[in-house]
N, C-alpha and C. Protein backbone atom coordinates (compact mmCIF):
# COMPACT_ATOMS: atom_id res chain seq x y z
N UNK A 1 26.47 -20.97 23.64
CA UNK A 1 26.15 -19.92 24.59
C UNK A 1 25.44 -18.76 23.75
N UNK A 2 24.09 -18.51 24.08
CA UNK A 2 23.29 -17.77 23.17
C UNK A 2 22.97 -16.53 23.89
N UNK A 3 22.88 -15.47 23.33
CA UNK A 3 22.42 -14.30 23.99
C UNK A 3 20.82 -13.90 23.61
N UNK A 4 20.19 -13.30 24.69
CA UNK A 4 18.75 -12.98 24.30
C UNK A 4 18.74 -11.69 23.67
N UNK A 5 17.73 -11.14 23.20
CA UNK A 5 17.66 -9.73 22.43
C UNK A 5 18.03 -8.70 23.43
N UNK A 6 17.83 -8.63 24.67
CA UNK A 6 18.08 -7.48 25.47
C UNK A 6 19.61 -7.42 25.80
N UNK A 7 20.40 -8.51 25.84
CA UNK A 7 21.86 -8.53 25.91
C UNK A 7 22.51 -8.10 24.64
N UNK A 8 21.91 -8.45 23.41
CA UNK A 8 22.36 -7.99 22.25
C UNK A 8 22.04 -6.58 22.01
N UNK A 9 21.13 -6.07 22.55
CA UNK A 9 20.81 -4.51 22.34
C UNK A 9 21.82 -3.86 23.16
N UNK A 10 22.00 -4.29 24.33
CA UNK A 10 22.85 -3.63 25.20
C UNK A 10 24.36 -3.40 24.69
N UNK A 11 24.86 -4.51 24.17
CA UNK A 11 26.23 -4.72 23.56
C UNK A 11 26.15 -3.67 22.24
N UNK A 12 25.19 -3.58 21.59
CA UNK A 12 25.04 -2.82 20.17
C UNK A 12 25.04 -1.42 20.49
N UNK A 13 24.38 -1.13 21.68
CA UNK A 13 24.25 0.24 22.03
C UNK A 13 25.03 0.88 23.17
N UNK A 14 25.87 -0.07 23.41
CA UNK A 14 26.90 0.39 24.48
C UNK A 14 27.72 1.70 24.17
N UNK A 15 27.98 2.53 24.88
CA UNK A 15 28.68 3.74 24.64
C UNK A 15 27.90 4.67 23.69
N UNK A 16 26.91 4.63 23.22
CA UNK A 16 26.15 5.49 22.36
C UNK A 16 25.10 6.33 23.20
N UNK A 17 24.93 7.73 23.03
CA UNK A 17 24.14 8.38 23.72
C UNK A 17 22.57 8.25 23.06
N UNK A 18 21.60 8.20 24.10
CA UNK A 18 20.29 7.98 23.64
C UNK A 18 20.11 9.08 22.59
N UNK A 19 20.29 10.24 22.60
CA UNK A 19 19.98 11.23 21.61
C UNK A 19 20.39 10.72 20.10
N UNK A 20 21.74 10.23 20.16
CA UNK A 20 22.35 9.71 18.88
C UNK A 20 21.40 8.49 18.43
N UNK A 21 21.11 7.53 19.26
CA UNK A 21 20.41 6.54 18.79
C UNK A 21 19.12 6.87 18.35
N UNK A 22 18.45 7.84 19.01
CA UNK A 22 17.18 8.43 18.54
C UNK A 22 17.22 8.95 17.13
N UNK A 23 18.15 9.78 16.97
CA UNK A 23 18.37 10.43 15.63
C UNK A 23 18.77 9.60 14.76
N UNK A 24 19.39 8.45 14.93
CA UNK A 24 19.79 7.39 13.88
C UNK A 24 18.36 6.52 13.46
N UNK A 25 17.63 6.34 14.42
CA UNK A 25 16.42 5.52 14.24
C UNK A 25 15.32 6.32 13.40
N UNK A 26 15.24 7.69 13.94
CA UNK A 26 14.36 8.66 13.17
C UNK A 26 14.75 8.78 11.76
N UNK A 27 16.02 8.94 11.56
CA UNK A 27 16.44 9.00 9.98
C UNK A 27 16.32 7.72 9.24
N UNK A 28 16.40 6.56 9.85
CA UNK A 28 16.10 5.42 9.37
C UNK A 28 14.66 5.15 8.90
N UNK A 29 13.96 5.69 9.84
CA UNK A 29 12.41 5.46 9.60
C UNK A 29 12.01 6.38 8.67
N UNK A 30 12.54 7.55 8.46
CA UNK A 30 12.14 8.54 7.36
C UNK A 30 12.71 7.71 6.13
N UNK A 31 13.74 7.36 5.97
CA UNK A 31 14.36 6.70 4.75
C UNK A 31 13.60 5.45 4.40
N UNK A 32 13.06 4.74 5.27
CA UNK A 32 12.16 3.52 4.89
C UNK A 32 10.76 4.16 4.42
N UNK A 33 10.34 5.13 5.11
CA UNK A 33 8.87 5.60 4.58
C UNK A 33 9.07 6.37 3.20
N UNK A 34 10.09 6.84 2.80
CA UNK A 34 10.27 7.55 1.55
C UNK A 34 10.45 6.32 0.55
N UNK A 35 11.28 5.35 0.69
CA UNK A 35 11.48 4.37 -0.04
C UNK A 35 10.36 3.51 -0.25
N UNK A 36 9.47 3.47 0.60
CA UNK A 36 8.08 2.62 0.45
C UNK A 36 7.28 3.29 -0.42
N UNK A 37 7.16 4.72 -0.22
CA UNK A 37 6.36 5.63 -1.02
C UNK A 37 6.83 5.53 -2.48
N UNK A 38 8.09 5.85 -2.53
CA UNK A 38 8.70 5.72 -4.01
C UNK A 38 8.46 4.72 -4.60
N UNK A 39 8.65 3.46 -3.98
CA UNK A 39 8.40 2.12 -4.51
C UNK A 39 7.10 1.92 -4.95
N UNK A 40 6.08 2.17 -4.10
CA UNK A 40 4.70 2.03 -4.48
C UNK A 40 4.35 2.96 -5.54
N UNK A 41 4.71 4.12 -5.52
CA UNK A 41 4.30 5.11 -6.62
C UNK A 41 4.89 4.44 -8.10
N UNK A 42 5.98 3.98 -8.02
CA UNK A 42 6.74 3.34 -9.39
C UNK A 42 5.87 2.03 -9.67
N UNK A 43 5.57 1.32 -8.54
CA UNK A 43 4.75 0.08 -9.13
C UNK A 43 3.40 0.34 -9.51
N UNK A 44 2.64 1.32 -8.95
CA UNK A 44 1.21 1.86 -9.49
C UNK A 44 1.45 2.35 -10.79
N UNK A 45 2.43 3.25 -11.11
CA UNK A 45 2.66 3.93 -12.35
C UNK A 45 2.75 2.68 -13.49
N UNK A 46 3.79 1.82 -13.08
CA UNK A 46 3.88 0.80 -14.01
C UNK A 46 2.72 -0.17 -14.34
N UNK A 47 1.95 -0.52 -13.17
CA UNK A 47 0.75 -1.28 -13.31
C UNK A 47 -0.27 -0.55 -14.30
N UNK A 48 -0.48 0.75 -14.04
CA UNK A 48 -1.33 1.54 -14.75
C UNK A 48 -0.89 1.62 -16.12
N UNK A 49 0.33 1.84 -16.35
CA UNK A 49 0.71 1.93 -17.80
C UNK A 49 0.55 0.52 -18.50
N UNK A 50 0.84 -0.62 -18.12
CA UNK A 50 0.61 -1.85 -18.55
C UNK A 50 -0.81 -2.11 -18.81
N UNK A 51 -1.72 -1.80 -17.85
CA UNK A 51 -3.25 -2.07 -18.01
C UNK A 51 -3.65 -1.11 -19.05
N UNK A 52 -3.22 0.00 -19.28
CA UNK A 52 -3.86 1.04 -20.24
C UNK A 52 -3.38 0.40 -21.58
N UNK A 53 -2.32 -0.33 -21.73
CA UNK A 53 -1.86 -0.86 -23.20
C UNK A 53 -2.64 -2.03 -23.45
N UNK A 54 -3.28 -2.74 -22.44
CA UNK A 54 -4.14 -3.99 -22.62
C UNK A 54 -5.36 -3.82 -23.15
N UNK A 55 -5.94 -2.58 -23.01
CA UNK A 55 -7.37 -2.38 -23.64
C UNK A 55 -8.34 -3.07 -22.77
N UNK A 56 -8.16 -3.26 -21.55
CA UNK A 56 -8.91 -3.96 -20.48
C UNK A 56 -10.08 -3.09 -20.00
N UNK A 57 -9.86 -1.86 -19.97
CA UNK A 57 -10.96 -1.00 -19.36
C UNK A 57 -12.20 -0.70 -20.15
N UNK A 58 -12.19 -0.81 -21.54
CA UNK A 58 -13.49 -0.82 -22.31
C UNK A 58 -14.45 -2.02 -21.89
N UNK A 59 -13.59 -3.03 -21.66
CA UNK A 59 -14.59 -4.22 -21.25
C UNK A 59 -15.35 -4.11 -19.86
N UNK A 60 -14.66 -3.70 -18.94
CA UNK A 60 -15.35 -3.10 -17.54
C UNK A 60 -16.28 -2.03 -17.93
N UNK A 61 -16.04 -1.12 -18.72
CA UNK A 61 -16.96 -0.05 -18.96
C UNK A 61 -18.17 -0.49 -19.59
N UNK A 62 -18.15 -1.40 -20.43
CA UNK A 62 -19.26 -2.10 -21.08
C UNK A 62 -20.13 -2.83 -20.13
N UNK A 63 -19.54 -3.55 -19.28
CA UNK A 63 -20.14 -4.37 -18.39
C UNK A 63 -21.01 -3.48 -17.29
N UNK A 64 -20.28 -2.44 -16.81
CA UNK A 64 -20.98 -1.48 -15.90
C UNK A 64 -22.01 -0.71 -16.63
N UNK A 65 -21.93 -0.43 -17.94
CA UNK A 65 -22.89 0.10 -18.44
C UNK A 65 -24.30 -0.70 -18.80
N UNK A 66 -24.05 -1.96 -18.81
CA UNK A 66 -25.19 -2.80 -19.07
C UNK A 66 -25.83 -3.22 -17.72
N UNK A 67 -24.95 -3.12 -16.59
CA UNK A 67 -25.57 -3.31 -15.04
C UNK A 67 -26.43 -1.97 -15.00
N UNK A 68 -26.00 -0.78 -15.16
CA UNK A 68 -26.86 0.40 -14.91
C UNK A 68 -27.98 0.36 -15.86
N UNK A 69 -27.91 -0.09 -17.15
CA UNK A 69 -29.18 -0.05 -17.87
C UNK A 69 -30.10 -1.00 -17.43
N UNK A 70 -29.66 -2.30 -16.97
CA UNK A 70 -30.58 -3.34 -16.43
C UNK A 70 -31.38 -2.62 -15.09
N UNK A 71 -30.49 -2.16 -14.22
CA UNK A 71 -31.16 -1.42 -13.10
C UNK A 71 -32.10 -0.46 -13.45
N UNK A 72 -31.76 0.55 -14.40
CA UNK A 72 -32.72 1.56 -14.67
C UNK A 72 -34.19 0.93 -15.32
N UNK A 73 -34.03 -0.17 -16.47
CA UNK A 73 -35.04 -0.63 -16.93
C UNK A 73 -36.00 -1.47 -15.93
N UNK A 74 -35.40 -2.14 -14.88
CA UNK A 74 -36.11 -2.75 -14.05
C UNK A 74 -37.13 -2.00 -13.14
N UNK A 75 -36.76 -0.71 -12.95
CA UNK A 75 -37.38 0.18 -12.21
C UNK A 75 -37.44 -0.06 -10.49
N UNK A 76 -37.98 0.75 -9.80
CA UNK A 76 -38.03 0.43 -8.35
C UNK A 76 -39.04 -0.58 -8.15
N UNK A 77 -38.58 -1.58 -7.32
CA UNK A 77 -39.49 -2.58 -6.80
C UNK A 77 -39.61 -2.59 -5.20
N UNK A 78 -40.66 -2.88 -4.75
CA UNK A 78 -40.77 -2.94 -3.21
C UNK A 78 -40.78 -4.33 -2.95
N UNK A 79 -40.12 -4.57 -1.72
CA UNK A 79 -40.15 -6.13 -1.17
C UNK A 79 -41.44 -6.22 -0.45
N UNK A 80 -42.26 -7.41 -0.95
CA UNK A 80 -43.59 -7.59 -0.10
C UNK A 80 -43.21 -8.67 0.86
N UNK A 81 -43.81 -8.39 2.14
CA UNK A 81 -43.68 -9.27 3.24
C UNK A 81 -44.73 -10.25 3.39
């Protein structure tokens, strides 16, 4: 005998007021949002720290500098039809 989602929800919430259910879900949502924010901040901080120790950024900077120099040396060109 299996219960569908609606029956399971009715049994789970039976005897609880709607306001209490709302408050519980609201606090749970705030907790989830804070957890996700703190987790993402920690992940980005760790990733930034690791990448700063790898000396990867100068390679990207040199490449970008070469591209900018090439574009400036080429000058503006018009497309002929």
